[in-house]
Amino acid sequence: MKKISLLLLSLCCMLTGAVAQKGNLQKGDYGYLYCHMNDRGRAWTAYALSRDGFHYHDLLGGDSIFSDHEHARIEGATRDAYICRTHDGKGYLMVCTDMNVGRFKDLKKASEWDNYGIILLRSSDLINWESVTFDYRKGTSIFSNPQDKSVYKDWSTINRVWAPQVQWDADYRWPDGRQGGYFIYYSMWNRGEEQYDRMYYSYADESFTRLTQPKPLFDWGYATIDADINWVEADQLWHMMIKKEGGKPGLFTATAPALTGPWSEPVEDDYVSFEGKKKCEGVSAFQLAGSDEWVIGYIEYSSRPKNYRLCLADRYMRGFHSPRNIVGVDRPQHGSFLRLTKKEYKRLQKWSDSMMKK
């Protein structure tokens, strides 16, 4: 009787669509949005559209989709754009690195690859964006829980806050009892207190304007950056693809039962190894509409010109194969992908066409 009841409950959930969504909401079967850092001179955030996930065309001629000076309040440039839907499907979120490599001298940075913060953005239409910038040098006062124990003694010496990404965590519980939060993960490095870049995480509330103090996600004993986390239904695990600075080159996978871990050691016998000793980073994985296989995007940046690559993986996000360059995008770089409905695709195309005519 118990088994029959569970079966009926499962069938009911399937029929009513009540099965809980793990991670970010996936919606749309008409096309794809590639939201990325454009690599022409000073970096900015650009859009490109595709019907098949492999062949794209730039919107706005590859120019910036918004004013960097308005949103990147620390250095005036946005990098590493990651885009997703809100968990209720009523809007869109984006996170970026606030960083302008070309300004390192006038900003008096110790290194051109230093930066100090990230940007949280939200939109109702993928065109108009509001944002909050977090300057980590200001310390715990910028976070929603400043009284909690801090990972650093001195925040003023922080020198990297890189490549944030987002996953909705329906299981997270806030101190006041609210359920659900946006798990934002990124790498940080504070030269004064640690030896290399490590992965950390914070939580943002549904307003996407408040952020908790960062906590360590894992530490493998060497620098790690550009993590990309996705829920893989086939094995019921979170998969993280990441660039690790230790050991052999490539893009590696680790798994965990929960977003906060514990994360496994990287898998050493099944990884993105097509590029040999060439350097790669900026992983972004997505599934094609109607398929359980994965497309893995990444930037191979040793070559001139650089190559933005797309390879395939099976439903377990294993067995990487068939690498190819993305087609139709001018100077693609680190970014992310969003499946689109027909209405969304047409709206973005119309917006681009109207702006190009001005």
Protein backbone atom coordinates (compact mmCIF):
# COMPACT_ATOMS: atom_id res chain seq x y z
CA MET A 1 0.00 0.00 0.00
CA LYS A 2 2.85 2.40 0.86
CA LYS A 3 4.53 1.80 -2.50
CA ILE A 4 1.25 2.42 -4.34
CA SER A 5 0.73 5.69 -2.44
CA LEU A 6 4.22 6.91 -3.28
CA LEU A 7 3.72 6.01 -6.94
CA LEU A 8 0.41 7.89 -7.07
CA LEU A 9 2.04 10.92 -5.42
CA SER A 10 4.88 10.85 -7.94
CA LEU A 11 2.46 10.62 -10.87
CA CYS A 12 0.39 13.47 -9.44
CA CYS A 13 3.49 15.67 -9.15
CA MET A 14 4.46 14.90 -12.73
CA LEU A 15 0.99 15.71 -14.05
CA THR A 16 0.70 18.95 -12.11
CA GLY A 17 4.28 20.10 -12.71
CA ALA A 18 4.85 20.23 -8.96
CA VAL A 19 8.24 18.53 -9.00
CA ALA A 20 10.69 20.95 -7.41
CA GLN A 21 13.17 22.58 -9.79
CA LYS A 22 16.77 22.00 -8.76
CA GLY A 23 18.85 25.09 -9.35
CA ASN A 24 18.04 27.73 -11.94
CA LEU A 25 14.76 27.65 -13.84
CA GLN A 26 15.16 26.37 -17.42
CA LYS A 27 12.59 27.61 -19.92
CA GLY A 28 12.32 28.19 -23.66
CA ASP A 29 12.81 26.03 -26.74
CA TYR A 30 13.04 28.62 -29.52
CA GLY A 31 16.59 29.93 -29.23
CA TYR A 32 19.59 30.80 -27.10
CA LEU A 33 21.14 33.95 -25.66
CA TYR A 34 24.91 34.13 -25.29
CA CYS A 35 25.62 36.87 -22.72
CA HIS A 36 29.34 37.46 -22.65
CA MET A 37 32.32 39.68 -22.15
CA ASN A 38 33.30 41.21 -25.48
CA ASP A 39 37.06 41.04 -25.94
CA ARG A 40 37.53 44.16 -28.05
CA GLY A 41 39.77 46.53 -26.09
CA ARG A 42 38.08 47.50 -22.82
CA ALA A 43 35.83 44.59 -21.92
CA TRP A 44 32.06 45.05 -21.84
CA THR A 45 28.94 42.88 -21.70
CA ALA A 46 27.40 41.92 -25.04
CA TYR A 47 24.58 39.72 -26.40
CA ALA A 48 24.37 37.25 -29.28
CA LEU A 49 21.38 35.17 -30.40
CA SER A 50 21.16 31.67 -31.84
CA ARG A 51 18.46 29.25 -32.95
CA ASP A 52 20.55 26.08 -32.59
CA GLY A 53 23.00 26.88 -29.75
CA PHE A 54 26.09 26.82 -32.00
CA HIS A 55 25.59 29.50 -34.69
CA TYR A 56 25.03 33.03 -33.36
CA HIS A 57 24.72 36.61 -34.50
CA ASP A 58 25.67 39.66 -32.46
CA LEU A 59 23.09 42.10 -31.15
CA LEU A 60 23.90 45.82 -31.24
CA GLY A 61 26.88 44.96 -33.44
CA GLY A 62 28.60 43.42 -30.43
CA ASP A 63 28.48 46.66 -28.44
CA SER A 64 27.64 46.94 -24.76
CA ILE A 65 24.05 46.17 -23.76
CA PHE A 66 24.14 48.76 -20.96
CA SER A 67 26.23 51.57 -19.52
CA ASP A 68 29.22 50.09 -17.74
CA HIS A 69 29.79 53.37 -15.92
CA GLU A 70 26.28 53.15 -14.51
CA HIS A 71 26.63 49.60 -13.20
CA ALA A 72 30.37 49.05 -12.68
CA ARG A 73 30.75 51.70 -10.01
CA ILE A 74 34.28 50.72 -8.95
CA GLU A 75 36.27 50.50 -12.20
CA GLY A 76 33.78 51.23 -15.00
CA ALA A 77 33.88 47.90 -16.85
CA THR A 78 32.03 44.59 -16.58
CA ARG A 79 33.51 41.15 -17.18
CA ASP A 80 32.50 37.46 -16.95
CA ALA A 81 28.74 37.98 -17.31
CA TYR A 82 26.54 35.18 -15.97
CA ILE A 83 22.81 35.35 -16.72
CA CYS A 84 19.84 33.29 -15.49
CA ARG A 85 16.12 33.49 -14.74
CA THR A 86 14.65 34.33 -11.37
CA HIS A 87 13.38 31.20 -9.65
CA ASP A 88 9.74 32.26 -10.15
CA GLY A 89 10.24 32.88 -13.88
CA LYS A 90 9.15 36.51 -13.64
CA GLY A 91 12.50 38.15 -14.33
CA TYR A 92 16.18 37.78 -15.00
CA LEU A 93 19.40 38.07 -13.01
CA MET A 94 22.97 38.79 -13.97
CA VAL A 95 26.25 38.90 -12.05
CA CYS A 96 29.50 40.40 -13.32
CA THR A 97 33.04 41.11 -12.24
CA ASP A 98 33.64 44.85 -11.75
CA MET A 99 37.05 45.18 -13.38
CA ASN A 100 38.83 47.34 -15.96
CA VAL A 101 42.18 45.82 -16.89
CA GLY A 102 43.25 48.83 -18.95
CA ARG A 103 42.90 51.24 -16.03
CA PHE A 104 45.23 49.51 -13.57
CA LYS A 105 47.76 52.35 -13.63
CA ASP A 106 45.41 55.27 -13.05
CA LEU A 107 43.53 53.20 -10.46
CA LYS A 108 46.92 52.55 -8.79
CA LYS A 109 46.41 48.82 -8.60
CA ALA A 110 49.35 46.56 -7.74
CA SER A 111 48.52 44.35 -10.72
CA GLU A 112 46.49 44.84 -13.89
CA TRP A 113 44.56 41.68 -12.95
CA ASP A 114 43.53 42.97 -9.53
CA ASN A 115 39.96 44.01 -8.79
CA TYR A 116 37.79 44.61 -5.74
CA GLY A 117 34.18 43.72 -6.28
CA ILE A 118 31.20 42.27 -8.12
CA ILE A 119 27.87 43.52 -9.48
CA LEU A 120 24.39 42.06 -8.96
CA LEU A 121 21.87 43.05 -11.66
CA ARG A 122 18.17 42.37 -12.17
CA SER A 123 15.77 42.96 -15.07
CA SER A 124 12.19 42.29 -16.11
CA ASP A 125 12.88 42.22 -19.86
CA LEU A 126 16.60 41.41 -20.49
CA ILE A 127 17.04 44.99 -21.78
CA ASN A 128 16.69 47.38 -18.85
CA TRP A 129 18.82 46.57 -15.82
CA GLU A 130 19.11 47.77 -12.22
CA SER A 131 22.16 46.94 -10.15
CA VAL A 132 24.03 46.98 -6.87
CA THR A 133 27.83 47.05 -6.70
CA PHE A 134 29.71 45.45 -3.82
CA ASP A 135 33.18 46.86 -3.09
CA TYR A 136 34.77 44.20 -0.88
CA ARG A 137 37.51 46.55 0.34
CA LYS A 138 34.88 48.16 2.57
CA GLY A 139 34.67 44.99 4.65
CA THR A 140 31.78 43.39 6.48
CA SER A 141 29.62 46.54 6.47
CA ILE A 142 28.53 45.84 2.88
CA PHE A 143 26.99 42.49 3.81
CA SER A 144 23.60 41.68 5.32
CA ASN A 145 25.18 39.87 8.30
CA PRO A 146 28.13 42.11 9.33
CA GLN A 147 28.09 40.73 12.88
CA ASP A 148 28.99 37.18 11.78
CA LYS A 149 32.51 35.79 11.85
CA SER A 150 34.56 37.07 8.91
CA VAL A 151 36.87 35.09 6.64
CA TYR A 152 39.39 37.97 6.67
CA LYS A 153 40.90 40.16 9.35
CA ASP A 154 41.62 43.00 6.93
CA TRP A 155 39.40 43.44 3.89
CA SER A 156 41.30 46.47 2.62
CA THR A 157 44.05 44.23 1.19
CA ILE A 158 41.72 42.12 -0.96
CA ASN A 159 42.98 42.03 -4.53
CA ARG A 160 40.61 39.74 -6.46
CA VAL A 161 36.88 39.07 -6.50
CA TRP A 162 36.36 37.14 -9.72
CA ALA A 163 33.74 35.58 -11.97
CA PRO A 164 30.56 35.30 -9.84
CA GLN A 165 27.82 32.87 -10.86
CA VAL A 166 24.38 32.01 -9.46
CA GLN A 167 22.23 29.00 -8.62
CA TRP A 168 18.85 29.12 -6.92
CA ASP A 169 18.94 27.12 -3.66
CA ALA A 170 15.40 26.27 -2.60
CA ASP A 171 16.69 24.59 0.57
CA TYR A 172 18.50 27.60 2.01
CA ARG A 173 16.93 29.04 5.14
CA TRP A 174 17.50 32.62 6.30
CA PRO A 175 17.84 33.46 10.00
CA ASP A 176 14.31 34.87 10.05
CA GLY A 177 12.89 31.61 8.69
CA ARG A 178 12.46 32.60 5.05
CA GLN A 179 13.09 29.73 2.64
CA GLY A 180 15.22 29.91 -0.49
CA GLY A 181 18.11 32.09 -1.62
CA TYR A 182 20.44 32.74 -4.54
CA PHE A 183 23.72 30.89 -4.01
CA ILE A 184 26.43 33.14 -5.50
CA TYR A 185 29.87 31.60 -5.87
CA TYR A 186 33.11 33.24 -6.96
CA SER A 187 36.86 33.23 -6.33
CA MET A 188 38.65 35.65 -4.01
CA TRP A 189 42.25 36.35 -3.14
CA ASN A 190 43.52 38.52 -0.30
CA ARG A 191 47.29 38.75 -0.70
CA GLY A 192 47.71 39.82 2.89
CA GLU A 193 46.07 36.69 4.30
CA GLU A 194 46.14 33.83 1.77
CA GLN A 195 48.48 32.44 -0.88
CA TYR A 196 46.16 31.96 -3.86
CA ASP A 197 42.66 32.34 -5.29
CA ARG A 198 40.06 30.19 -3.53
CA MET A 199 36.37 29.57 -4.13
CA TYR A 200 33.85 31.22 -1.78
CA TYR A 201 30.08 31.58 -1.68
CA SER A 202 27.48 34.06 -0.44
CA TYR A 203 23.68 34.13 -0.53
CA ALA A 204 21.54 36.88 -2.03
CA ASP A 205 17.90 37.40 -1.08
CA GLU A 206 15.03 37.57 -3.56
CA SER A 207 15.49 41.33 -4.02
CA PHE A 208 18.97 40.51 -5.33
CA THR A 209 20.34 43.56 -3.53
CA ARG A 210 21.55 42.01 -0.26
CA LEU A 211 24.49 39.64 0.09
CA THR A 212 25.74 37.54 3.00
CA GLN A 213 29.37 37.40 4.08
CA PRO A 214 31.38 34.94 2.00
CA LYS A 215 32.26 31.49 3.29
CA PRO A 216 34.90 29.09 1.86
CA LEU A 217 33.44 26.59 -0.63
CA PHE A 218 36.49 24.30 -0.78
CA ASP A 219 40.30 24.46 -0.87
CA TRP A 220 42.29 21.90 -2.86
CA GLY A 221 45.65 23.43 -1.99
CA TYR A 222 46.15 25.47 -5.17
CA ALA A 223 44.44 28.31 -7.02
CA THR A 224 41.01 27.68 -8.54
CA ILE A 225 38.90 30.12 -10.57
CA ASP A 226 35.92 30.32 -12.95
CA ALA A 227 33.68 27.65 -11.44
CA ASP A 228 30.45 26.70 -13.24
CA ILE A 229 27.93 24.65 -11.24
CA ASN A 230 24.90 22.80 -12.64
CA TRP A 231 22.45 20.21 -11.34
CA VAL A 232 22.76 16.97 -13.32
CA GLU A 233 19.50 15.06 -13.19
CA ALA A 234 21.05 11.83 -14.49
CA ASP A 235 23.11 11.18 -11.37
CA GLN A 236 21.31 13.52 -8.94
CA LEU A 237 24.47 15.48 -8.17
CA TRP A 238 25.74 19.01 -8.56
CA HIS A 239 28.57 19.12 -11.11
CA MET A 240 31.17 21.87 -11.02
CA MET A 241 33.50 22.47 -13.95
CA ILE A 242 36.48 24.60 -13.04
CA LYS A 243 39.91 25.83 -13.98
CA LYS A 244 42.50 24.56 -11.51
CA GLU A 245 45.99 26.03 -11.54
CA GLY A 246 47.66 22.93 -10.10
CA GLY A 247 48.66 19.79 -12.04
CA LYS A 248 47.93 19.05 -15.70
CA PRO A 249 46.11 21.64 -17.83
CA GLY A 250 42.46 21.32 -18.73
CA LEU A 251 38.99 21.97 -17.38
CA PHE A 252 37.95 19.56 -14.66
CA THR A 253 34.79 18.35 -12.95
CA ALA A 254 34.00 17.87 -9.26
CA THR A 255 30.66 16.75 -7.79
CA ALA A 256 28.70 17.32 -4.59
CA PRO A 257 25.33 16.31 -3.11
CA ALA A 258 24.62 19.92 -2.07
CA LEU A 259 25.68 23.32 -3.37
CA THR A 260 27.73 24.01 -0.26
CA GLY A 261 29.46 20.63 -0.56
CA PRO A 262 31.31 18.60 0.37
CA TRP A 263 32.92 18.82 -3.08
CA SER A 264 34.91 15.87 -4.41
CA GLU A 265 38.43 16.08 -5.77
CA PRO A 266 38.51 16.84 -9.51
CA VAL A 267 37.98 13.84 -11.80
CA GLU A 268 41.37 13.17 -13.39
CA ASP A 269 40.41 10.64 -16.12
CA ASP A 270 37.47 12.44 -17.78
CA TYR A 271 37.98 16.16 -18.40
CA VAL A 272 38.19 18.74 -21.20
CA SER A 273 41.65 18.00 -22.57
CA PHE A 274 41.30 18.86 -26.28
CA GLU A 275 43.51 21.95 -26.10
CA GLY A 276 46.66 20.19 -24.90
CA LYS A 277 48.89 22.64 -23.07
CA LYS A 278 46.96 25.69 -24.24
CA LYS A 279 45.29 27.64 -21.46
CA CYS A 280 41.52 27.53 -20.98
CA GLU A 281 39.03 29.03 -18.53
CA GLY A 282 35.56 30.56 -18.24
CA VAL A 283 33.47 27.38 -18.42
CA SER A 284 29.71 27.67 -19.03
CA ALA A 285 27.54 24.56 -19.51
CA PHE A 286 23.96 24.38 -20.81
CA GLN A 287 21.55 21.81 -22.19
CA LEU A 288 19.96 22.12 -25.60
CA ALA A 289 16.16 22.26 -25.60
CA GLY A 290 14.70 18.77 -25.85
CA SER A 291 18.02 17.08 -25.08
CA ASP A 292 19.61 15.73 -21.92
CA GLU A 293 23.12 16.10 -23.34
CA TRP A 294 25.29 19.08 -22.42
CA VAL A 295 27.10 21.79 -24.35
CA ILE A 296 30.24 23.09 -22.63
CA GLY A 297 31.51 26.56 -23.56
CA TYR A 298 34.97 27.85 -22.63
CA ILE A 299 37.65 30.27 -23.81
CA GLU A 300 41.00 29.00 -25.09
CA TYR A 301 43.11 32.11 -24.61
CA SER A 302 46.66 31.02 -25.51
CA SER A 303 46.12 31.38 -29.26
CA ARG A 304 45.99 34.62 -31.24
CA PRO A 305 43.23 35.14 -32.00
CA LYS A 306 41.66 33.44 -29.01
CA ASN A 307 39.14 30.65 -29.55
CA TYR A 308 35.77 30.41 -27.83
CA ARG A 309 35.00 26.70 -27.92
CA LEU A 310 31.86 24.59 -27.61
CA CYS A 311 32.15 20.86 -26.92
CA LEU A 312 29.59 18.19 -26.11
CA ALA A 313 29.10 15.88 -23.12
CA ASP A 314 26.64 13.12 -22.31
CA ARG A 315 23.70 13.37 -19.90
CA TYR A 316 26.01 12.69 -16.97
CA MET A 317 28.20 15.62 -18.05
CA ARG A 318 30.93 13.11 -18.88
CA GLY A 319 32.61 11.91 -22.07
CA PHE A 320 33.55 15.31 -23.49
CA HIS A 321 33.82 15.31 -27.27
CA SER A 322 33.39 17.18 -30.57
CA PRO A 323 35.03 20.55 -29.80
CA ARG A 324 34.31 23.39 -32.23
CA ASN A 325 34.51 27.18 -32.30
CA ILE A 326 31.40 29.24 -31.67
CA VAL A 327 30.18 30.74 -34.95
CA GLY A 328 29.09 34.30 -35.68
CA VAL A 329 30.26 36.20 -32.57
CA ASP A 330 32.82 39.00 -32.82
CA ARG A 331 35.51 38.58 -30.15
CA PRO A 332 33.64 36.22 -27.79
CA GLN A 333 34.98 35.72 -24.27
CA HIS A 334 33.89 34.47 -20.84
CA GLY A 335 30.10 34.41 -20.62
CA SER A 336 27.00 32.24 -20.20
CA PHE A 337 23.97 30.90 -22.05
CA LEU A 338 20.21 31.22 -21.54
CA ARG A 339 17.50 29.32 -23.39
CA LEU A 340 14.81 31.64 -24.81
CA THR A 341 11.16 31.53 -25.69
CA LYS A 342 10.07 32.82 -29.09
CA LYS A 343 8.67 35.97 -27.47
CA GLU A 344 11.98 36.70 -25.71
CA TYR A 345 14.04 36.01 -28.83
CA LYS A 346 11.90 38.29 -31.01
CA ARG A 347 11.89 41.05 -28.38
CA LEU A 348 15.69 41.09 -28.18
CA GLN A 349 16.07 41.04 -31.96
CA LYS A 350 13.58 43.89 -32.39
CA TRP A 351 15.39 45.92 -29.71
CA SER A 352 18.74 45.41 -31.43
CA ASP A 353 17.36 46.29 -34.86
CA SER A 354 15.74 49.46 -33.59
CA MET A 355 18.90 50.57 -31.76
CA MET A 356 21.09 49.92 -34.83
CA LYS A 357 18.86 52.16 -36.95
CA LYS A 358 19.38 55.17 -34.68
